[in-house]
Amino acid sequence: MPNFIHSLDAANVHLVLVSMSDRSLPVYIILDCFASTANNLNKNIKLVKAVFINILLLRRRLLSKKKTSSTLCCCYHK
């Protein structure tokens, strides 16, 4: 099970970094950690949560084998 957990963490970090880059948010990467400036903290918290929720929802859809046209969306709402 540890490999599965690490793969979820890695997917979350990857998708968060892509989303931050798409939004031109500053990001600093140190090994397996990332940080941003204090004025973007709330945006980053929402982004991390939204990406992780999307990963879990996608996993649930795949496991239930429901056919859906929706895709993984790395976005958050204000």
C-alpha atoms as a PDB file:
ATOM      1  CA  MET A   1       0.000   0.000   0.000  1.00  0.00           C
ATOM      2  CA  PRO A   2       2.842   2.513   0.589  1.00  0.00           C
ATOM      3  CA  ASN A   3       3.585   2.727  -3.140  1.00  0.00           C
ATOM      4  CA  PHE A   4      -0.038   3.623  -3.831  1.00  0.00           C
ATOM      5  CA  ILE A   5       0.016   6.388  -1.206  1.00  0.00           C
ATOM      6  CA  HIS A   6       3.291   7.768  -2.591  1.00  0.00           C
ATOM      7  CA  SER A   7       1.859   7.738  -6.101  1.00  0.00           C
ATOM      8  CA  LEU A   8      -1.139   9.811  -4.926  1.00  0.00           C
ATOM      9  CA  ASP A   9       1.214  12.274  -3.237  1.00  0.00           C
ATOM     10  CA  ALA A  10       3.391  12.495  -6.343  1.00  0.00           C
ATOM     11  CA  ALA A  11       0.381  13.022  -8.608  1.00  0.00           C
ATOM     12  CA  ASN A  12      -0.909  15.744  -6.298  1.00  0.00           C
ATOM     13  CA  VAL A  13       2.427  17.587  -6.246  1.00  0.00           C
ATOM     14  CA  HIS A  14       2.807  17.295 -10.017  1.00  0.00           C
ATOM     15  CA  LEU A  15      -0.692  18.597 -10.762  1.00  0.00           C
ATOM     16  CA  VAL A  16      -0.387  21.411  -8.200  1.00  0.00           C
ATOM     17  CA  LEU A  17       2.912  22.556  -9.713  1.00  0.00           C
ATOM     18  CA  VAL A  18       1.438  22.492 -13.225  1.00  0.00           C
ATOM     19  CA  SER A  19      -1.591  24.468 -12.024  1.00  0.00           C
ATOM     20  CA  MET A  20       0.586  27.000 -10.217  1.00  0.00           C
ATOM     21  CA  SER A  21       2.705  27.434 -13.315  1.00  0.00           C
ATOM     22  CA  ASP A  22      -0.398  27.869 -15.499  1.00  0.00           C
ATOM     23  CA  ARG A  23      -1.542  30.661 -13.172  1.00  0.00           C
ATOM     24  CA  SER A  24       1.926  32.274 -13.041  1.00  0.00           C
ATOM     25  CA  LEU A  25       2.039  31.822  -9.274  1.00  0.00           C
ATOM     26  CA  PRO A  26       5.563  31.850  -7.857  1.00  0.00           C
ATOM     27  CA  VAL A  27       6.743  28.472  -6.648  1.00  0.00           C
ATOM     28  CA  TYR A  28       9.951  27.271  -5.016  1.00  0.00           C
ATOM     29  CA  ILE A  29      10.867  23.593  -5.111  1.00  0.00           C
ATOM     30  CA  ILE A  30      13.176  21.935  -2.592  1.00  0.00           C
ATOM     31  CA  LEU A  31      13.486  18.153  -2.993  1.00  0.00           C
ATOM     32  CA  ASP A  32       9.911  16.875  -2.497  1.00  0.00           C
ATOM     33  CA  CYS A  33       8.541  20.096  -0.998  1.00  0.00           C
ATOM     34  CA  PHE A  34       7.247  23.240  -2.596  1.00  0.00           C
ATOM     35  CA  ALA A  35       6.527  26.716  -1.314  1.00  0.00           C
ATOM     36  CA  SER A  36       5.241  30.027  -2.532  1.00  0.00           C
ATOM     37  CA  THR A  37       5.036  33.595  -1.345  1.00  0.00           C
ATOM     38  CA  ALA A  38       2.872  34.530   1.642  1.00  0.00           C
ATOM     39  CA  ASN A  39       0.482  36.675  -0.385  1.00  0.00           C
ATOM     40  CA  ASN A  40      -0.479  33.580  -2.428  1.00  0.00           C
ATOM     41  CA  LEU A  41      -0.959  31.271   0.549  1.00  0.00           C
ATOM     42  CA  ASN A  42      -4.776  31.104   0.401  1.00  0.00           C
ATOM     43  CA  LYS A  43      -4.736  30.520  -3.374  1.00  0.00           C
ATOM     44  CA  ASN A  44      -2.228  27.702  -2.936  1.00  0.00           C
ATOM     45  CA  ILE A  45      -4.162  26.063  -0.114  1.00  0.00           C
ATOM     46  CA  LYS A  46      -7.335  26.062  -2.229  1.00  0.00           C
ATOM     47  CA  LEU A  47      -5.401  24.743  -5.201  1.00  0.00           C
ATOM     48  CA  VAL A  48      -3.802  21.855  -3.278  1.00  0.00           C
ATOM     49  CA  LYS A  49      -7.184  20.855  -1.827  1.00  0.00           C
ATOM     50  CA  ALA A  50      -8.967  21.082  -5.188  1.00  0.00           C
ATOM     51  CA  VAL A  51      -6.343  18.992  -6.963  1.00  0.00           C
ATOM     52  CA  PHE A  52      -6.371  16.305  -4.267  1.00  0.00           C
ATOM     53  CA  ILE A  53     -10.173  16.143  -4.276  1.00  0.00           C
ATOM     54  CA  ASN A  54     -10.137  15.805  -8.072  1.00  0.00           C
ATOM     55  CA  ILE A  55      -7.637  12.940  -7.833  1.00  0.00           C
ATOM     56  CA  LEU A  56      -9.835  11.132  -5.300  1.00  0.00           C
ATOM     57  CA  LEU A  57     -12.995  11.708  -7.345  1.00  0.00           C
ATOM     58  CA  LEU A  58     -11.266  10.459 -10.493  1.00  0.00           C
ATOM     59  CA  ARG A  59     -10.075   7.370  -8.619  1.00  0.00           C
ATOM     60  CA  ARG A  60     -13.609   6.727  -7.344  1.00  0.00           C
ATOM     61  CA  ARG A  61     -15.040   7.051 -10.868  1.00  0.00           C
ATOM     62  CA  LEU A  62     -12.424   4.696 -12.271  1.00  0.00           C
ATOM     63  CA  LEU A  63     -12.982   2.125  -9.537  1.00  0.00           C
ATOM     64  CA  SER A  64     -16.741   2.220  -9.963  1.00  0.00           C
ATOM     65  CA  LYS A  65     -16.209   1.872 -13.734  1.00  0.00           C
ATOM     66  CA  LYS A  66     -18.728   4.576 -14.461  1.00  0.00           C
ATOM     67  CA  LYS A  67     -18.315   6.024 -17.890  1.00  0.00           C
ATOM     68  CA  THR A  68     -18.051   9.768 -17.671  1.00  0.00           C
ATOM     69  CA  SER A  69     -17.077  12.497 -20.049  1.00  0.00           C
ATOM     70  CA  SER A  70     -15.584  14.689 -17.346  1.00  0.00           C
ATOM     71  CA  THR A  71     -11.835  14.939 -17.027  1.00  0.00           C
ATOM     72  CA  LEU A  72      -9.465  15.789 -14.255  1.00  0.00           C
ATOM     73  CA  CYS A  73      -9.681  19.527 -13.771  1.00  0.00           C
ATOM     74  CA  CYS A  74      -6.940  21.324 -11.915  1.00  0.00           C
ATOM     75  CA  CYS A  75      -8.926  24.351 -10.993  1.00  0.00           C
ATOM     76  CA  TYR A  76     -10.381  25.979  -7.963  1.00  0.00           C
ATOM     77  CA  HIS A  77     -13.216  28.398  -7.473  1.00  0.00           C
ATOM     78  CA  LYS A  78     -12.950  31.643  -5.578  1.00  0.00           C
END
